[in-house]
């Protein structure tokens, strides 16, 4: 069995790339779903034009803002103190 050792900087870079990928996946999956849903359903009901990914991301941001302002979504940050 071979043991691989990584430098601290290399491990930090790999970890940050993985974290950015997870955050990107958390943001981009709803955007692509919104775009797909809009382009599949909306033109057949009201003759609306298809939207781009940028417009879908604006719809996603508007939806999150409305949910937050309506009180259905809460965002909290807690800071703990170390003694």
PDB file of N, CA and C in Angstrom:
ATOM      1  N   UNK A   1       0.839  -1.165   0.000  1.00  0.00           N
ATOM      2  CA  UNK A   1       0.000   0.000   0.000  1.00  0.00           C
ATOM      3  C   UNK A   1       0.889   1.236   0.000  1.00  0.00           C
ATOM      4  N   UNK A   2       0.557   2.162  -0.894  1.00  0.00           N
ATOM      5  CA  UNK A   2       1.353   3.373  -1.024  1.00  0.00           C
ATOM      6  C   UNK A   2       0.634   4.530  -0.334  1.00  0.00           C
ATOM      7  N   UNK A   3       1.382   5.322   0.397  1.00  0.00           N
ATOM      8  CA  UNK A   3       0.830   6.469   1.111  1.00  0.00           C
ATOM      9  C   UNK A   3       1.248   7.738   0.386  1.00  0.00           C
ATOM     10  N   UNK A   4       0.257   8.562   0.085  1.00  0.00           N
ATOM     11  CA  UNK A   4       0.521   9.835  -0.583  1.00  0.00           C
ATOM     12  C   UNK A   4       0.441  10.957   0.436  1.00  0.00           C
ATOM     13  N   UNK A   5       1.408  11.851   0.363  1.00  0.00           N
ATOM     14  CA  UNK A   5       1.392  13.013   1.240  1.00  0.00           C
ATOM     15  C   UNK A   5       1.210  14.253   0.386  1.00  0.00           C
ATOM     16  N   UNK A   6       0.299  15.113   0.820  1.00  0.00           N
ATOM     17  CA  UNK A   6       0.039  16.342   0.085  1.00  0.00           C
ATOM     18  C   UNK A   6       0.567  17.526   0.895  1.00  0.00           C
ATOM     19  N   UNK A   7       1.023  18.520   0.169  1.00  0.00           N
ATOM     20  CA  UNK A   7       1.444  19.745   0.837  1.00  0.00           C
ATOM     21  C   UNK A   7       0.214  20.459   1.364  1.00  0.00           C
ATOM     22  N   UNK A   8       0.400  21.281   2.372  1.00  0.00           N
ATOM     23  CA  UNK A   8      -0.722  21.991   2.982  1.00  0.00           C
ATOM     24  C   UNK A   8      -1.398  22.919   1.973  1.00  0.00           C
ATOM     25  N   UNK A   9      -0.609  23.598   1.136  1.00  0.00           N
ATOM     26  CA  UNK A   9      -1.184  24.507   0.150  1.00  0.00           C
ATOM     27  C   UNK A   9      -1.991  23.732  -0.893  1.00  0.00           C
ATOM     28  N   UNK A  10      -1.445  22.616  -1.345  1.00  0.00           N
ATOM     29  CA  UNK A  10      -2.168  21.800  -2.321  1.00  0.00           C
ATOM     30  C   UNK A  10      -3.465  21.254  -1.753  1.00  0.00           C
ATOM     31  N   UNK A  11      -3.434  20.808  -0.495  1.00  0.00           N
ATOM     32  CA  UNK A  11      -4.657  20.302   0.137  1.00  0.00           C
ATOM     33  C   UNK A  11      -5.679  21.425   0.304  1.00  0.00           C
ATOM     34  N   UNK A  12      -5.227  22.629   0.639  1.00  0.00           N
ATOM     35  CA  UNK A  12      -6.141  23.764   0.788  1.00  0.00           C
ATOM     36  C   UNK A  12      -6.765  24.138  -0.548  1.00  0.00           C
ATOM     37  N   UNK A  13      -5.989  24.074  -1.613  1.00  0.00           N
ATOM     38  CA  UNK A  13      -6.512  24.392  -2.944  1.00  0.00           C
ATOM     39  C   UNK A  13      -7.555  23.356  -3.367  1.00  0.00           C
ATOM     40  N   UNK A  14      -7.273  22.085  -3.153  1.00  0.00           N
ATOM     41  CA  UNK A  14      -8.228  21.035  -3.508  1.00  0.00           C
ATOM     42  C   UNK A  14      -9.508  21.164  -2.686  1.00  0.00           C
ATOM     43  N   UNK A  15      -9.358  21.437  -1.385  1.00  0.00           N
ATOM     44  CA  UNK A  15     -10.525  21.602  -0.519  1.00  0.00           C
ATOM     45  C   UNK A  15     -11.369  22.795  -0.953  1.00  0.00           C
ATOM     46  N   UNK A  16     -10.730  23.910  -1.296  1.00  0.00           N
ATOM     47  CA  UNK A  16     -11.493  25.092  -1.710  1.00  0.00           C
ATOM     48  C   UNK A  16     -12.187  24.863  -3.057  1.00  0.00           C
ATOM     49  N   UNK A  17     -11.555  24.126  -3.963  1.00  0.00           N
ATOM     50  CA  UNK A  17     -12.195  23.805  -5.241  1.00  0.00           C
ATOM     51  C   UNK A  17     -13.420  22.926  -5.017  1.00  0.00           C
ATOM     52  N   UNK A  18     -13.319  21.956  -4.119  1.00  0.00           N
ATOM     53  CA  UNK A  18     -14.470  21.105  -3.808  1.00  0.00           C
ATOM     54  C   UNK A  18     -15.598  21.909  -3.165  1.00  0.00           C
ATOM     55  N   UNK A  19     -15.256  22.812  -2.253  1.00  0.00           N
ATOM     56  CA  UNK A  19     -16.289  23.651  -1.614  1.00  0.00           C
ATOM     57  C   UNK A  19     -16.958  24.563  -2.635  1.00  0.00           C
ATOM     58  N   UNK A  20     -16.182  25.162  -3.524  1.00  0.00           N
ATOM     59  CA  UNK A  20     -16.771  26.017  -4.554  1.00  0.00           C
ATOM     60  C   UNK A  20     -17.652  25.208  -5.493  1.00  0.00           C
ATOM     61  N   UNK A  21     -17.262  23.979  -5.774  1.00  0.00           N
ATOM     62  CA  UNK A  21     -18.083  23.118  -6.606  1.00  0.00           C
ATOM     63  C   UNK A  21     -19.418  22.788  -5.959  1.00  0.00           C
ATOM     64  N   UNK A  22     -19.403  22.520  -4.651  1.00  0.00           N
ATOM     65  CA  UNK A  22     -20.653  22.241  -3.951  1.00  0.00           C
ATOM     66  C   UNK A  22     -21.554  23.466  -3.896  1.00  0.00           C
ATOM     67  N   UNK A  23     -20.983  24.628  -3.652  1.00  0.00           N
ATOM     68  CA  UNK A  23     -21.782  25.856  -3.642  1.00  0.00           C
ATOM     69  C   UNK A  23     -22.320  26.136  -5.041  1.00  0.00           C
ATOM     70  N   UNK A  24     -21.500  25.952  -6.041  1.00  0.00           N
ATOM     71  CA  UNK A  24     -21.949  26.143  -7.418  1.00  0.00           C
ATOM     72  C   UNK A  24     -23.059  25.188  -7.784  1.00  0.00           C
ATOM     73  N   UNK A  25     -22.965  23.959  -7.325  1.00  0.00           N
ATOM     74  CA  UNK A  25     -24.017  22.975  -7.578  1.00  0.00           C
ATOM     75  C   UNK A  25     -25.303  23.375  -6.868  1.00  0.00           C
ATOM     76  N   UNK A  26     -25.190  23.891  -5.647  1.00  0.00           N
ATOM     77  CA  UNK A  26     -26.351  24.336  -4.883  1.00  0.00           C
ATOM     78  C   UNK A  26     -27.049  25.508  -5.558  1.00  0.00           C
ATOM     79  N   UNK A  27     -26.293  26.348  -6.245  1.00  0.00           N
ATOM     80  CA  UNK A  27     -26.872  27.518  -6.911  1.00  0.00           C
ATOM     81  C   UNK A  27     -27.305  27.174  -8.336  1.00  0.00           C
ATOM     82  N   UNK A  28     -26.510  26.422  -9.060  1.00  0.00           N
ATOM     83  CA  UNK A  28     -26.774  26.222 -10.482  1.00  0.00           C
ATOM     84  C   UNK A  28     -27.875  25.200 -10.766  1.00  0.00           C
ATOM     85  N   UNK A  29     -28.047  24.208  -9.920  1.00  0.00           N
ATOM     86  CA  UNK A  29     -29.119  23.239 -10.163  1.00  0.00           C
ATOM     87  C   UNK A  29     -30.499  23.891 -10.163  1.00  0.00           C
ATOM     88  N   UNK A  30     -30.834  24.730  -9.169  1.00  0.00           N
ATOM     89  CA  UNK A  30     -32.136  25.399  -9.258  1.00  0.00           C
ATOM     90  C   UNK A  30     -32.250  26.330 -10.463  1.00  0.00           C
ATOM     91  N   UNK A  31     -31.152  26.989 -10.841  1.00  0.00           N
ATOM     92  CA  UNK A  31     -31.196  27.883 -12.000  1.00  0.00           C
ATOM     93  C   UNK A  31     -31.502  27.091 -13.265  1.00  0.00           C
ATOM     94  N   UNK A  32     -30.847  25.971 -13.463  1.00  0.00           N
ATOM     95  CA  UNK A  32     -31.106  25.158 -14.650  1.00  0.00           C
ATOM     96  C   UNK A  32     -32.512  24.556 -14.617  1.00  0.00           C
ATOM     97  N   UNK A  33     -33.001  24.186 -13.418  1.00  0.00           N
ATOM     98  CA  UNK A  33     -34.361  23.672 -13.316  1.00  0.00           C
ATOM     99  C   UNK A  33     -35.376  24.756 -13.661  1.00  0.00           C
ATOM    100  N   UNK A  34     -35.156  25.978 -13.152  1.00  0.00           N
ATOM    101  CA  UNK A  34     -36.062  27.087 -13.466  1.00  0.00           C
ATOM    102  C   UNK A  34     -36.057  27.368 -14.958  1.00  0.00           C
ATOM    103  N   UNK A  35     -34.883  27.388 -15.577  1.00  0.00           N
ATOM    104  CA  UNK A  35     -34.805  27.644 -17.012  1.00  0.00           C
ATOM    105  C   UNK A  35     -35.509  26.541 -17.795  1.00  0.00           C
ATOM    106  N   UNK A  36     -35.273  25.293 -17.442  1.00  0.00           N
ATOM    107  CA  UNK A  36     -35.908  24.185 -18.144  1.00  0.00           C
ATOM    108  C   UNK A  36     -37.423  24.250 -17.999  1.00  0.00           C
ATOM    109  N   UNK A  37     -37.896  24.497 -16.756  1.00  0.00           N
ATOM    110  CA  UNK A  37     -39.329  24.554 -16.504  1.00  0.00           C
ATOM    111  C   UNK A  37     -39.975  25.690 -17.289  1.00  0.00           C
ATOM    112  N   UNK A  38     -39.349  26.860 -17.248  1.00  0.00           N
ATOM    113  CA  UNK A  38     -39.910  28.017 -17.966  1.00  0.00           C
ATOM    114  C   UNK A  38     -39.968  27.744 -19.468  1.00  0.00           C
ATOM    115  N   UNK A  39     -38.854  27.267 -20.025  1.00  0.00           N
ATOM    116  CA  UNK A  39     -38.796  27.051 -21.475  1.00  0.00           C
ATOM    117  C   UNK A  39     -39.692  25.894 -21.927  1.00  0.00           C
ATOM    118  N   UNK A  40     -40.008  24.967 -21.038  1.00  0.00           N
ATOM    119  CA  UNK A  40     -40.876  23.844 -21.419  1.00  0.00           C
ATOM    120  C   UNK A  40     -42.353  24.163 -21.264  1.00  0.00           C
ATOM    121  N   UNK A  41     -42.693  24.968 -20.261  1.00  0.00           N
ATOM    122  CA  UNK A  41     -44.107  25.159 -19.939  1.00  0.00           C
ATOM    123  C   UNK A  41     -44.631  26.542 -20.300  1.00  0.00           C
ATOM    124  N   UNK A  42     -43.896  27.600 -19.994  1.00  0.00           N
ATOM    125  CA  UNK A  42     -44.419  28.959 -20.151  1.00  0.00           C
ATOM    126  C   UNK A  42     -44.769  29.326 -21.599  1.00  0.00           C
ATOM    127  N   UNK A  43     -43.983  28.976 -22.613  1.00  0.00           N
ATOM    128  CA  UNK A  43     -44.370  29.369 -23.981  1.00  0.00           C
ATOM    129  C   UNK A  43     -45.666  28.723 -24.462  1.00  0.00           C
ATOM    130  N   UNK A  44     -46.002  27.564 -23.953  1.00  0.00           N
ATOM    131  CA  UNK A  44     -47.225  26.913 -24.413  1.00  0.00           C
ATOM    132  C   UNK A  44     -48.480  27.515 -23.788  1.00  0.00           C
ATOM    133  N   UNK A  45     -48.349  28.133 -22.616  1.00  0.00           N
ATOM    134  CA  UNK A  45     -49.518  28.715 -21.951  1.00  0.00           C
ATOM    135  C   UNK A  45     -49.775  30.159 -22.355  1.00  0.00           C
ATOM    136  N   UNK A  46     -48.741  30.990 -22.364  1.00  0.00           N
ATOM    137  CA  UNK A  46     -48.972  32.419 -22.571  1.00  0.00           C
ATOM    138  C   UNK A  46     -48.140  32.990 -23.709  1.00  0.00           C
ATOM    139  N   UNK A  47     -47.588  32.170 -24.545  1.00  0.00           N
ATOM    140  CA  UNK A  47     -46.766  32.612 -25.681  1.00  0.00           C
ATOM    141  C   UNK A  47     -45.627  33.511 -25.211  1.00  0.00           C
ATOM    142  N   UNK A  48     -44.971  33.118 -24.100  1.00  0.00           N
ATOM    143  CA  UNK A  48     -43.838  33.869 -23.566  1.00  0.00           C
ATOM    144  C   UNK A  48     -42.549  33.383 -24.221  1.00  0.00           C
ATOM    145  N   UNK A  49     -41.567  34.249 -24.384  1.00  0.00           N
ATOM    146  CA  UNK A  49     -40.311  33.824 -25.013  1.00  0.00           C
ATOM    147  C   UNK A  49     -39.478  32.971 -24.052  1.00  0.00           C
ATOM    148  N   UNK A  50     -38.603  32.137 -24.585  1.00  0.00           N
ATOM    149  CA  UNK A  50     -37.708  31.362 -23.718  1.00  0.00           C
ATOM    150  C   UNK A  50     -36.724  32.277 -23.002  1.00  0.00           C
ATOM    151  N   UNK A  51     -36.198  31.810 -21.862  1.00  0.00           N
ATOM    152  CA  UNK A  51     -35.273  32.623 -21.077  1.00  0.00           C
ATOM    153  C   UNK A  51     -33.879  32.008 -21.108  1.00  0.00           C
ATOM    154  N   UNK A  52     -32.895  32.831 -20.825  1.00  0.00           N
ATOM    155  CA  UNK A  52     -31.497  32.399 -20.772  1.00  0.00           C
ATOM    156  C   UNK A  52     -31.139  32.013 -19.337  1.00  0.00           C
ATOM    157  N   UNK A  53     -29.971  31.411 -19.125  1.00  0.00           N
ATOM    158  CA  UNK A  53     -29.561  31.092 -17.749  1.00  0.00           C
ATOM    159  C   UNK A  53     -29.443  32.335 -16.862  1.00  0.00           C
ATOM    160  N   UNK A  54     -29.042  33.457 -17.429  1.00  0.00           N
ATOM    161  CA  UNK A  54     -28.946  34.690 -16.629  1.00  0.00           C
ATOM    162  C   UNK A  54     -30.320  35.127 -16.149  1.00  0.00           C
ATOM    163  N   UNK A  55     -31.306  35.045 -17.004  1.00  0.00           N
ATOM    164  CA  UNK A  55     -32.662  35.414 -16.604  1.00  0.00           C
ATOM    165  C   UNK A  55     -33.222  34.425 -15.590  1.00  0.00           C
ATOM    166  N   UNK A  56     -32.865  33.157 -15.727  1.00  0.00           N
ATOM    167  CA  UNK A  56     -33.297  32.159 -14.751  1.00  0.00           C
ATOM    168  C   UNK A  56     -32.645  32.414 -13.398  1.00  0.00           C
ATOM    169  N   UNK A  57     -31.384  32.856 -13.385  1.00  0.00           N
ATOM    170  CA  UNK A  57     -30.741  33.170 -12.110  1.00  0.00           C
ATOM    171  C   UNK A  57     -31.380  34.390 -11.459  1.00  0.00           C
ATOM    172  N   UNK A  58     -31.840  35.359 -12.254  1.00  0.00           N
ATOM    173  CA  UNK A  58     -32.559  36.504 -11.688  1.00  0.00           C
ATOM    174  C   UNK A  58     -33.911  36.068 -11.116  1.00  0.00           C
ATOM    175  N   UNK A  59     -34.588  35.145 -11.788  1.00  0.00           N
ATOM    176  CA  UNK A  59     -35.833  34.610 -11.245  1.00  0.00           C
ATOM    177  C   UNK A  59     -35.597  33.856  -9.939  1.00  0.00           C
ATOM    178  N   UNK A  60     -34.504  33.127  -9.870  1.00  0.00           N
ATOM    179  CA  UNK A  60     -34.144  32.393  -8.651  1.00  0.00           C
ATOM    180  C   UNK A  60     -33.865  33.376  -7.514  1.00  0.00           C
ATOM    181  N   UNK A  61     -33.109  34.435  -7.791  1.00  0.00           N
ATOM    182  CA  UNK A  61     -32.820  35.438  -6.763  1.00  0.00           C
ATOM    183  C   UNK A  61     -34.096  36.145  -6.318  1.00  0.00           C
ATOM    184  N   UNK A  62     -34.996  36.434  -7.256  1.00  0.00           N
ATOM    185  CA  UNK A  62     -36.259  37.073  -6.898  1.00  0.00           C
ATOM    186  C   UNK A  62     -37.106  36.140  -6.040  1.00  0.00           C
ATOM    187  N   UNK A  63     -37.132  34.855  -6.368  1.00  0.00           N
ATOM    188  CA  UNK A  63     -37.897  33.893  -5.587  1.00  0.00           C
ATOM    189  C   UNK A  63     -37.356  33.784  -4.161  1.00  0.00           C
ATOM    190  N   UNK A  64     -36.048  33.705  -4.015  1.00  0.00           N
ATOM    191  CA  UNK A  64     -35.447  33.622  -2.683  1.00  0.00           C
ATOM    192  C   UNK A  64     -35.729  34.898  -1.897  1.00  0.00           C
ATOM    193  N   UNK A  65     -35.671  36.059  -2.551  1.00  0.00           N
ATOM    194  CA  UNK A  65     -35.960  37.321  -1.874  1.00  0.00           C
ATOM    195  C   UNK A  65     -37.406  37.388  -1.407  1.00  0.00           C
ATOM    196  N   UNK A  66     -38.330  36.958  -2.248  1.00  0.00           N
ATOM    197  CA  UNK A  66     -39.751  36.971  -1.868  1.00  0.00           C
ATOM    198  C   UNK A  66     -40.000  36.007  -0.713  1.00  0.00           C
ATOM    199  N   UNK A  67     -39.404  34.833  -0.760  1.00  0.00           N
ATOM    200  CA  UNK A  67     -39.563  33.876   0.340  1.00  0.00           C
ATOM    201  C   UNK A  67     -38.979  34.423   1.641  1.00  0.00           C
ATOM    202  N   UNK A  68     -37.857  35.121   1.553  1.00  0.00           N
ATOM    203  CA  UNK A  68     -37.232  35.702   2.746  1.00  0.00           C
ATOM    204  C   UNK A  68     -38.087  36.836   3.305  1.00  0.00           C
ATOM    205  N   UNK A  69     -38.588  37.702   2.435  1.00  0.00           N
ATOM    206  CA  UNK A  69     -39.402  38.827   2.894  1.00  0.00           C
ATOM    207  C   UNK A  69     -40.760  38.367   3.427  1.00  0.00           C
ATOM    208  N   UNK A  70     -41.286  37.264   2.916  1.00  0.00           N
ATOM    209  CA  UNK A  70     -42.552  36.732   3.405  1.00  0.00           C
ATOM    210  C   UNK A  70     -42.390  35.978   4.725  1.00  0.00           C
ATOM    211  N   UNK A  71     -41.165  35.738   5.137  1.00  0.00           N
ATOM    212  CA  UNK A  71     -40.920  35.036   6.385  1.00  0.00           C
ATOM    213  C   UNK A  71     -40.908  33.532   6.254  1.00  0.00           C
ATOM    214  N   UNK A  72     -40.979  33.011   5.054  1.00  0.00           N
ATOM    215  CA  UNK A  72     -40.963  31.559   4.845  1.00  0.00           C
ATOM    216  C   UNK A  72     -39.549  30.987   4.829  1.00  0.00           C
ATOM    217  N   UNK A  73     -38.571  31.842   4.660  1.00  0.00           N
ATOM    218  CA  UNK A  73     -37.167  31.447   4.620  1.00  0.00           C
ATOM    219  C   UNK A  73     -36.413  32.321   5.599  1.00  0.00           C
ATOM    220  N   UNK A  74     -35.662  31.709   6.503  1.00  0.00           N
ATOM    221  CA  UNK A  74     -34.895  32.468   7.476  1.00  0.00           C
ATOM    222  C   UNK A  74     -33.427  32.151   7.318  1.00  0.00           C
ATOM    223  N   UNK A  75     -32.625  33.189   7.342  1.00  0.00           N
ATOM    224  CA  UNK A  75     -31.175  33.042   7.242  1.00  0.00           C
ATOM    225  C   UNK A  75     -30.586  33.579   8.541  1.00  0.00           C
ATOM    226  N   UNK A  76     -29.908  32.723   9.282  1.00  0.00           N
ATOM    227  CA  UNK A  76     -29.348  33.128  10.558  1.00  0.00           C
ATOM    228  C   UNK A  76     -27.878  32.738  10.621  1.00  0.00           C
ATOM    229  N   UNK A  77     -27.114  33.603  11.264  1.00  0.00           N
ATOM    230  CA  UNK A  77     -25.704  33.341  11.525  1.00  0.00           C
ATOM    231  C   UNK A  77     -25.487  33.428  13.022  1.00  0.00           C
ATOM    232  N   UNK A  78     -24.870  32.428  13.591  1.00  0.00           N
ATOM    233  CA  UNK A  78     -24.575  32.424  15.007  1.00  0.00           C
ATOM    234  C   UNK A  78     -23.067  32.443  15.198  1.00  0.00           C
ATOM    235  N   UNK A  79     -22.646  33.223  16.168  1.00  0.00           N
ATOM    236  CA  UNK A  79     -21.232  33.313  16.496  1.00  0.00           C
ATOM    237  C   UNK A  79     -21.039  32.802  17.909  1.00  0.00           C
ATOM    238  N   UNK A  80     -20.226  31.818  18.062  1.00  0.00           N
ATOM    239  CA  UNK A  80     -19.950  31.267  19.382  1.00  0.00           C
ATOM    240  C   UNK A  80     -18.674  31.875  19.943  1.00  0.00           C
ATOM    241  N   UNK A  81     -18.634  31.970  21.249  1.00  0.00           N
ATOM    242  CA  UNK A  81     -17.456  32.520  21.927  1.00  0.00           C
ATOM    243  C   UNK A  81     -16.662  31.385  22.555  1.00  0.00           C
ATOM    244  N   UNK A  82     -15.382  31.443  22.395  1.00  0.00           N
ATOM    245  CA  UNK A  82     -14.508  30.448  23.017  1.00  0.00           C
ATOM    246  C   UNK A  82     -13.915  31.059  24.274  1.00  0.00           C
ATOM    247  N   UNK A  83     -14.049  30.353  25.348  1.00  0.00           N
ATOM    248  CA  UNK A  83     -13.508  30.863  26.619  1.00  0.00           C
ATOM    249  C   UNK A  83     -12.126  30.347  26.876  1.00  0.00           C
TER     250      UNK A  83
END
